[in-house]
Protein backbone atom coordinates (compact mmCIF):
# COMPACT_ATOMS: atom_id res chain seq x y z
CA UNK A 1 -44.50 -48.09 -153.87
CA UNK A 2 -46.63 -46.08 -151.41
CA UNK A 3 -49.77 -47.49 -153.01
CA UNK A 4 -48.58 -51.05 -152.46
CA UNK A 5 -47.80 -50.41 -148.79
CA UNK A 6 -51.20 -48.72 -148.29
CA UNK A 7 -52.97 -51.63 -149.98
CA UNK A 8 -51.08 -54.12 -147.80
CA UNK A 9 -52.06 -52.27 -144.61
CA UNK A 10 -55.72 -52.05 -145.69
CA UNK A 11 -55.93 -55.77 -146.47
CA UNK A 12 -54.27 -56.62 -143.13
CA UNK A 13 -56.75 -54.41 -141.26
CA UNK A 14 -59.74 -55.97 -143.02
CA UNK A 15 -58.45 -59.47 -142.38
CA UNK A 16 -57.88 -58.66 -138.71
CA UNK A 17 -61.37 -57.18 -138.41
CA UNK A 18 -62.88 -60.38 -139.74
CA UNK A 19 -61.56 -62.25 -136.71
CA UNK A 20 -63.01 -59.81 -134.16
CA UNK A 21 -65.84 -61.05 -131.99
CA UNK A 22 -69.11 -59.46 -133.04
CA UNK A 23 -69.79 -57.79 -129.71
CA UNK A 24 -66.20 -56.69 -129.00
CA UNK A 25 -65.13 -55.00 -132.25
CA UNK A 26 -63.50 -51.62 -132.49
CA UNK A 27 -66.28 -49.72 -130.80
CA UNK A 28 -65.65 -47.65 -127.67
CA UNK A 29 -67.36 -48.30 -124.40
CA UNK A 30 -67.22 -50.76 -121.54
CA UNK A 31 -66.61 -54.37 -122.24
CA UNK A 32 -68.10 -57.15 -120.14
CA UNK A 33 -65.77 -58.33 -117.38
CA UNK A 34 -66.80 -61.94 -117.65
CA UNK A 35 -68.94 -63.49 -120.26
CA UNK A 36 -70.05 -67.02 -119.67
CA UNK A 37 -70.94 -68.88 -122.86
CA UNK A 38 -70.95 -72.46 -123.95
CA UNK A 39 -70.05 -72.11 -127.59
CA UNK A 40 -66.85 -71.37 -129.48
CA UNK A 41 -65.49 -67.85 -129.96
CA UNK A 42 -65.52 -68.62 -133.69
CA UNK A 43 -69.27 -68.94 -133.63
CA UNK A 44 -71.56 -71.87 -134.32
CA UNK A 45 -69.90 -74.15 -136.82
CA UNK A 46 -67.00 -71.66 -137.20
CA UNK A 47 -69.17 -69.06 -138.96
CA UNK A 48 -66.93 -66.21 -137.68
CA UNK A 49 -63.77 -68.02 -138.75
CA UNK A 50 -64.48 -68.64 -142.44
CA UNK A 51 -65.01 -65.03 -143.58
CA UNK A 52 -61.69 -64.01 -142.08
CA UNK A 53 -59.91 -67.01 -143.51
CA UNK A 54 -61.29 -66.45 -147.01
CA UNK A 55 -60.58 -62.70 -146.72
CA UNK A 56 -56.98 -63.44 -145.77
CA UNK A 57 -56.50 -65.83 -148.69
CA UNK A 58 -58.07 -63.44 -151.21
CA UNK A 59 -56.23 -60.42 -149.78
CA UNK A 60 -52.94 -62.31 -149.81
CA UNK A 61 -53.45 -63.26 -153.44
CA UNK A 62 -54.25 -59.66 -154.41
CA UNK A 63 -51.27 -58.24 -152.55
CA UNK A 64 -49.00 -60.98 -153.87
CA UNK A 65 -50.07 -60.24 -157.43
CA UNK A 66 -49.59 -56.50 -156.90
CA UNK A 67 -46.13 -56.89 -155.42
CA UNK A 68 -44.79 -59.45 -157.86
CA UNK A 69 -44.70 -57.72 -161.20
CA UNK A 70 -43.11 -59.51 -164.15
CA UNK A 71 -39.50 -58.64 -164.77
CA UNK A 72 -38.93 -56.29 -167.70
CA UNK A 73 -36.14 -57.42 -169.98
CA UNK A 74 -34.55 -54.67 -172.01
CA UNK A 75 -32.30 -55.80 -174.82
CA UNK A 76 -29.30 -53.67 -175.60
CA UNK A 77 -28.54 -52.85 -179.23
CA UNK A 78 -25.49 -54.47 -180.74
CA UNK A 79 -22.35 -52.42 -180.38
CA UNK A 80 -20.32 -51.88 -183.54
CA UNK A 81 -16.67 -51.64 -182.83
CA UNK A 82 -14.23 -49.70 -184.91
CA UNK A 83 -10.57 -50.58 -185.23
CA UNK A 84 -8.47 -48.99 -182.53
CA UNK A 85 -5.46 -47.02 -183.66
CA UNK A 86 -2.74 -46.79 -181.06
CA UNK A 87 -0.16 -44.09 -181.14
CA UNK A 88 3.35 -44.84 -179.96
CA UNK A 89 4.16 -43.64 -176.48
CA UNK A 90 7.48 -41.85 -176.13
CA UNK A 91 9.14 -42.54 -172.82
CA UNK A 92 11.87 -40.10 -172.01
CA UNK A 93 14.75 -41.56 -170.03
CA UNK A 94 15.69 -39.52 -167.00
CA UNK A 95 19.04 -37.77 -167.06
CA UNK A 96 21.25 -39.04 -164.27
CA UNK A 97 23.89 -36.66 -163.02
CA UNK A 98 26.76 -37.78 -160.91
CA UNK A 99 26.89 -35.92 -157.63
CA UNK A 100 29.68 -33.41 -157.25
CA UNK A 101 31.78 -34.06 -154.16
CA UNK A 102 33.28 -30.97 -152.61
CA UNK A 103 36.06 -31.67 -150.14
CA UNK A 104 35.80 -29.55 -147.04
CA UNK A 105 39.13 -28.36 -145.70
CA UNK A 106 40.18 -30.33 -142.65
CA UNK A 107 40.80 -28.09 -139.68
CA UNK A 108 43.34 -29.53 -137.29
CA UNK A 109 43.17 -27.97 -133.90
CA UNK A 110 46.29 -27.81 -131.88
CA UNK A 111 45.88 -29.10 -128.34
CA UNK A 112 45.66 -26.35 -125.76
CA UNK A 113 47.30 -26.83 -122.41
CA UNK A 114 45.66 -25.20 -119.40
CA UNK A 115 46.69 -25.07 -115.78
CA UNK A 116 43.98 -25.95 -113.25
CA UNK A 117 43.82 -26.15 -109.49
CA UNK A 118 42.86 -29.69 -108.41
CA UNK A 119 41.90 -30.71 -104.83
CA UNK A 120 43.87 -33.62 -103.42
CA UNK A 121 42.28 -35.51 -100.50
CA UNK A 122 44.07 -35.84 -97.21
CA UNK A 123 45.87 -39.18 -96.47
CA UNK A 124 48.28 -40.96 -94.18
CA UNK A 125 51.92 -41.08 -95.31
CA UNK A 126 54.49 -43.57 -93.95
CA UNK A 127 57.75 -41.83 -92.96
CA UNK A 128 60.95 -43.74 -92.13
CA UNK A 129 62.87 -42.33 -89.09
CA UNK A 130 66.67 -42.20 -88.78
CA UNK A 131 66.68 -45.26 -86.55
CA UNK A 132 64.67 -47.26 -89.16
CA UNK A 133 61.25 -47.13 -87.52
CA UNK A 134 58.23 -46.27 -89.66
CA UNK A 135 55.88 -43.59 -88.43
CA UNK A 136 52.49 -42.94 -90.03
CA UNK A 137 51.78 -39.20 -90.40
CA UNK A 138 48.51 -37.49 -91.57
CA UNK A 139 48.86 -35.20 -94.59
CA UNK A 140 45.83 -32.84 -94.88
CA UNK A 141 44.03 -32.16 -98.21
CA UNK A 142 45.27 -29.35 -100.43
CA UNK A 143 45.10 -27.82 -103.92
CA UNK A 144 47.70 -28.66 -106.55
CA UNK A 145 48.25 -27.04 -109.91
CA UNK A 146 48.14 -29.51 -112.81
CA UNK A 147 48.46 -29.08 -116.54
CA UNK A 148 45.40 -30.31 -118.52
CA UNK A 149 45.37 -30.70 -122.33
CA UNK A 150 42.08 -29.64 -123.96
CA UNK A 151 41.27 -30.62 -127.57
């Protein structure tokens, strides 16, 4: 594989070098800033074009032939089959047990009565006088003892 890639790069470099202008190739040094000429860059009659074109065609054919190798067909030998003997598979049924229900004793709690002090808000109370008139009197807030049943 490395040889094929190296060959492809070499052919591409040679084909590219064929198109280079004779005075401007791959040599170091100053190049002319402006060159005034009246003929084609391909040379008189295309003489610089045809070597590169032919080199590209020939190089492409060589690389194409090198990269496209014929497919190798390998035939597999015939497989002889022997009769298959199957052994019976024993499937064991799972044993299902009924769950055992244990009754928990029910605990009945007797209600407990407690005495608590509860704050009662102050309020106005209507009092009826002996002559039948109604007088509104303020009763201040106070604590009362009440029985509370707790479960």
